[in-house]
Amino acid sequence: MRVKAIVAYDGTGYSGFQRQSNANSIQAALEAALAGLFGAAVSVSGSGRTDAGVHAAGQVVAFEVSWRHELTSLHRAMNALLPEAIAVLSLEAAPDDFDPRRDARSRWYRYRIYNAPVRDPLSSRYSLHVPRALDVEAMQAAAASLLGWHDFSAFGSPPQGTNAIREVLRAEWQQAGAWLTFDIIANAFLFRMVRMLVGTMLRVGYGALTPQRFAEILQTRDRSGAGPAASACGLTLMAVQYDV
């Protein structure tokens, strides 16, 4: 049977989601847990390749197994074998042709910033500490230019092929005390795209770039004007949307 799972993980110390021959990955950890249960290799596919150090609250994966019991038993067994940094939040049967990447309609990422003179040690694994004052209004003006269909070549590289055109459905900064969050929803993302966008918008917040110059970088695809990429620790894949 084909199984769809929603997985959360602390990406600290992992090379990202995708399996690599010389580093720990989330995909490899999931496959190791399944191999321990079934005594044979089980291939896991994911909705996206989160970068090294990036977290997830709602990564979607799929795999094929022969399982004659209730899925609640498989759910418990997987979590018993997985490292503490990884948890399967839910399991359900999926159509035989379900593909977590190709069938996804949109993905939601959130970037968290702690904007205060002194760092918060209890949150440092999941947020970027920025001690300098930020112009959040200017950052939001820059974010507004991201909505719609654009070529995002200035802010990343396609995971496959050469097509860098993506549709952004939401791009919004919110502030609550010292905490800033940037939520972005798009049909798909380029490699390092969210971190490059955040890093460039931080320059807008510092006053080094205007929102108008940020929009020009997007439209002219000027890679030299973008970045640097913000730290991976502040980024979380929140959820993936499907038609059903």
Protein backbone atom coordinates (compact mmCIF):
# COMPACT_ATOMS: atom_id res chain seq x y z
CA MET A 1 0.00 0.00 0.00
CA ARG A 2 1.05 3.59 -0.55
CA VAL A 3 1.26 5.72 2.57
CA LYS A 4 1.25 9.50 2.96
CA ALA A 5 2.87 10.90 6.11
CA ILE A 6 3.26 14.38 7.58
CA VAL A 7 6.63 14.74 9.26
CA ALA A 8 8.09 17.38 11.58
CA TYR A 9 11.78 17.75 12.28
CA ASP A 10 14.47 19.88 13.82
CA GLY A 11 16.89 20.26 10.93
CA THR A 12 19.83 21.27 13.12
CA GLY A 13 22.65 18.83 12.49
CA TYR A 14 21.09 17.37 9.34
CA SER A 15 22.28 17.96 5.78
CA GLY A 16 18.74 18.65 4.64
CA PHE A 17 15.88 16.42 3.61
CA GLN A 18 17.44 14.72 0.62
CA ARG A 19 19.55 11.60 1.07
CA GLN A 20 23.31 12.09 0.70
CA SER A 21 26.08 9.54 0.65
CA ASN A 22 28.34 11.34 3.11
CA ALA A 23 26.00 13.15 5.53
CA ASN A 24 22.96 12.62 7.75
CA SER A 25 19.66 13.52 6.10
CA ILE A 26 16.00 13.40 7.11
CA GLN A 27 15.16 11.11 4.18
CA ALA A 28 17.87 8.64 5.23
CA ALA A 29 16.62 8.62 8.83
CA LEU A 30 13.05 7.88 7.71
CA GLU A 31 14.26 5.11 5.40
CA ALA A 32 16.40 3.61 8.16
CA ALA A 33 13.39 3.45 10.49
CA LEU A 34 11.28 1.74 7.83
CA ALA A 35 14.09 -0.68 6.97
CA GLY A 36 14.28 -1.60 10.65
CA LEU A 37 10.56 -2.35 10.66
CA PHE A 38 10.33 -4.27 7.39
CA GLY A 39 13.78 -5.82 7.11
CA ALA A 40 14.22 -4.43 3.61
CA ALA A 41 14.94 -1.12 1.93
CA VAL A 42 11.97 1.27 1.65
CA SER A 43 12.27 4.37 -0.53
CA VAL A 44 10.80 7.61 0.84
CA SER A 45 9.96 10.59 -1.37
CA GLY A 46 9.26 14.10 -0.08
CA SER A 47 7.36 17.20 -1.12
CA GLY A 48 10.54 19.26 -1.21
CA ARG A 49 14.25 19.35 -0.46
CA THR A 50 14.72 21.51 2.61
CA ASP A 51 18.27 22.86 2.94
CA ALA A 52 20.77 21.84 5.58
CA GLY A 53 19.67 23.18 8.96
CA VAL A 54 16.12 24.02 7.83
CA HIS A 55 13.24 22.73 9.95
CA ALA A 56 9.79 21.39 9.09
CA ALA A 57 6.42 21.41 10.82
CA GLY A 58 4.60 19.83 7.88
CA GLN A 59 6.87 18.04 5.42
CA VAL A 60 4.87 15.53 3.38
CA VAL A 61 6.39 12.18 2.40
CA ALA A 62 5.18 8.99 0.72
CA PHE A 63 6.37 5.39 0.60
CA GLU A 64 5.23 1.89 -0.41
CA VAL A 65 4.98 -0.90 2.18
CA SER A 66 3.16 -4.18 2.75
CA TRP A 67 1.20 -3.59 5.96
CA ARG A 68 -1.76 -5.69 7.07
CA HIS A 69 -2.44 -3.96 10.39
CA GLU A 70 -3.94 -0.60 11.31
CA LEU A 71 -1.87 2.41 10.30
CA THR A 72 -1.90 3.58 13.92
CA SER A 73 0.45 0.66 14.69
CA LEU A 74 2.82 1.68 11.89
CA HIS A 75 2.66 5.26 13.13
CA ARG A 76 3.72 4.27 16.66
CA ALA A 77 6.42 1.92 15.39
CA MET A 78 8.03 4.54 13.17
CA ASN A 79 8.15 7.14 15.94
CA ALA A 80 9.67 4.57 18.29
CA LEU A 81 12.57 4.06 15.88
CA LEU A 82 13.11 7.62 14.65
CA PRO A 83 15.63 10.01 16.27
CA GLU A 84 14.25 12.51 18.78
CA ALA A 85 14.62 15.31 16.22
CA ILE A 86 12.14 13.69 13.81
CA ALA A 87 8.49 12.77 14.36
CA VAL A 88 5.73 11.42 12.14
CA LEU A 89 2.68 13.54 12.95
CA SER A 90 0.16 11.56 10.91
CA LEU A 91 -0.18 8.63 8.51
CA GLU A 92 -2.89 7.80 6.01
CA ALA A 93 -3.41 5.59 2.98
CA ALA A 94 -2.80 7.38 -0.30
CA PRO A 95 -3.71 6.70 -3.94
CA ASP A 96 -1.23 4.47 -5.73
CA ASP A 97 -0.11 7.35 -7.94
CA PHE A 98 0.27 9.95 -5.17
CA ASP A 99 3.50 11.96 -5.57
CA PRO A 100 4.16 14.39 -2.69
CA ARG A 101 6.25 16.72 -4.86
CA ARG A 102 4.45 16.72 -8.21
CA ASP A 103 0.95 16.72 -6.72
CA ALA A 104 1.61 19.65 -4.38
CA ARG A 105 -0.29 22.83 -5.22
CA SER A 106 1.51 25.18 -2.85
CA ARG A 107 4.07 25.24 -0.06
CA TRP A 108 4.19 27.51 2.98
CA TYR A 109 7.46 28.57 4.55
CA ARG A 110 7.95 30.75 7.62
CA TYR A 111 11.11 32.63 8.61
CA ARG A 112 11.45 33.79 12.23
CA ILE A 113 13.63 36.66 13.45
CA TYR A 114 14.31 37.72 17.01
CA ASN A 115 14.95 41.46 16.74
CA ALA A 116 16.40 42.59 20.06
CA PRO A 117 19.77 43.87 21.35
CA VAL A 118 20.45 40.64 23.29
CA ARG A 119 19.99 37.13 21.84
CA ASP A 120 17.45 34.66 23.21
CA PRO A 121 19.35 31.38 23.88
CA LEU A 122 16.11 29.40 24.21
CA SER A 123 15.08 30.26 20.64
CA SER A 124 18.41 30.38 18.82
CA ARG A 125 17.94 26.97 17.15
CA TYR A 126 14.75 28.14 15.42
CA SER A 127 15.26 31.82 14.69
CA LEU A 128 17.80 34.37 13.50
CA HIS A 129 18.94 36.94 16.04
CA VAL A 130 19.13 40.44 14.54
CA PRO A 131 20.29 43.06 17.07
CA ARG A 132 19.97 46.05 14.72
CA ALA A 133 16.76 48.05 14.39
CA LEU A 134 14.69 47.13 11.33
CA ASP A 135 12.23 49.11 9.21
CA VAL A 136 9.51 46.48 9.02
CA GLU A 137 7.23 48.72 6.95
CA ALA A 138 9.89 48.98 4.24
CA MET A 139 10.45 45.22 4.38
CA GLN A 140 6.73 44.64 3.84
CA ALA A 141 6.75 47.06 0.89
CA ALA A 142 9.54 44.96 -0.63
CA ALA A 143 7.65 41.73 0.07
CA ALA A 144 4.57 43.06 -1.76
CA SER A 145 6.52 43.09 -5.02
CA LEU A 146 6.91 39.30 -4.81
CA LEU A 147 3.22 38.52 -5.35
CA GLY A 148 2.26 36.90 -8.64
CA TRP A 149 4.31 35.18 -11.32
CA HIS A 150 8.00 36.16 -11.55
CA ASP A 151 11.35 34.83 -12.66
CA PHE A 152 13.20 34.45 -9.34
CA SER A 153 16.65 33.82 -10.85
CA ALA A 154 18.13 36.59 -8.67
CA PHE A 155 17.17 34.68 -5.54
CA GLY A 156 17.97 31.04 -6.24
CA SER A 157 18.51 28.17 -8.64
CA PRO A 158 15.95 25.66 -9.93
CA PRO A 159 16.30 22.24 -8.26
CA GLN A 160 15.87 20.73 -11.72
CA GLY A 161 16.08 22.19 -15.21
CA THR A 162 16.33 25.92 -15.93
CA ASN A 163 12.82 27.24 -15.24
CA ALA A 164 13.00 29.82 -12.44
CA ILE A 165 9.45 31.16 -12.82
CA ARG A 166 7.28 30.70 -9.73
CA GLU A 167 3.95 32.06 -8.48
CA VAL A 168 3.92 33.64 -5.02
CA LEU A 169 0.49 33.63 -3.40
CA ARG A 170 1.38 35.27 -0.10
CA ALA A 171 4.39 37.24 1.14
CA GLU A 172 3.91 38.98 4.46
CA TRP A 173 5.96 40.25 7.40
CA GLN A 174 4.31 40.40 10.82
CA GLN A 175 5.68 41.79 14.09
CA ALA A 176 4.79 40.87 17.65
CA GLY A 177 7.10 42.55 20.13
CA ALA A 178 10.67 41.51 19.36
CA TRP A 179 9.52 38.72 17.03
CA LEU A 180 9.28 39.10 13.26
CA THR A 181 7.87 36.40 11.01
CA PHE A 182 7.93 36.26 7.25
CA ASP A 183 5.32 33.95 5.71
CA ILE A 184 5.56 33.06 2.05
CA ILE A 185 3.33 30.68 0.09
CA ALA A 186 4.15 29.75 -3.49
CA ASN A 187 3.44 27.01 -5.97
CA ALA A 188 7.12 25.98 -5.71
CA PHE A 189 10.48 27.38 -4.65
CA LEU A 190 14.00 27.60 -6.01
CA PHE A 191 17.01 26.28 -4.11
CA ARG A 192 17.75 28.73 -1.22
CA MET A 193 15.06 31.10 -2.52
CA VAL A 194 13.39 31.95 0.81
CA ARG A 195 16.69 32.50 2.61
CA MET A 196 17.95 34.73 -0.23
CA LEU A 197 14.72 36.73 -0.18
CA VAL A 198 14.90 37.20 3.59
CA GLY A 199 18.58 38.14 3.47
CA THR A 200 17.88 40.76 0.82
CA MET A 201 14.84 42.13 2.64
CA LEU A 202 16.96 42.47 5.76
CA ARG A 203 19.13 44.87 3.77
CA VAL A 204 15.93 46.82 3.08
CA GLY A 205 15.21 46.79 6.80
CA TYR A 206 18.69 48.14 7.53
CA GLY A 207 18.22 50.93 4.99
CA ALA A 208 20.91 49.63 2.64
CA LEU A 209 18.32 48.96 -0.09
CA THR A 210 15.03 50.66 -0.91
CA PRO A 211 11.89 48.63 -1.62
CA GLN A 212 12.08 49.98 -5.15
CA ARG A 213 15.63 48.67 -5.59
CA PHE A 214 14.51 45.29 -4.22
CA ALA A 215 11.78 45.16 -6.89
CA GLU A 216 14.35 46.06 -9.55
CA ILE A 217 16.59 43.19 -8.46
CA LEU A 218 13.62 40.84 -8.88
CA GLN A 219 12.61 42.19 -12.29
CA THR A 220 16.13 42.44 -13.75
CA ARG A 221 17.15 39.06 -12.25
CA ASP A 222 20.31 40.74 -10.88
CA ARG A 223 21.87 38.00 -8.75
CA SER A 224 24.75 40.32 -7.73
CA GLY A 225 22.27 42.64 -6.01
CA ALA A 226 20.63 39.95 -3.87
CA GLY A 227 21.51 38.30 -0.60
CA PRO A 228 23.39 37.20 1.32
CA ALA A 229 21.19 34.25 2.26
CA ALA A 230 19.78 34.39 5.79
CA SER A 231 20.78 31.63 8.18
CA ALA A 232 18.99 28.29 7.76
CA CYS A 233 18.08 28.11 11.47
CA GLY A 234 15.20 30.59 11.11
CA LEU A 235 13.41 28.77 8.30
CA THR A 236 10.61 26.20 8.69
CA LEU A 237 8.50 24.40 6.09
CA MET A 238 5.09 24.87 7.68
CA ALA A 239 2.72 23.00 5.37
CA VAL A 240 2.12 21.66 1.88
CA GLN A 241 -1.25 22.00 0.16
CA TYR A 242 -2.89 19.45 -2.15
CA ASP A 243 -6.16 19.44 -4.04
CA VAL A 244 -7.56 16.69 -1.84
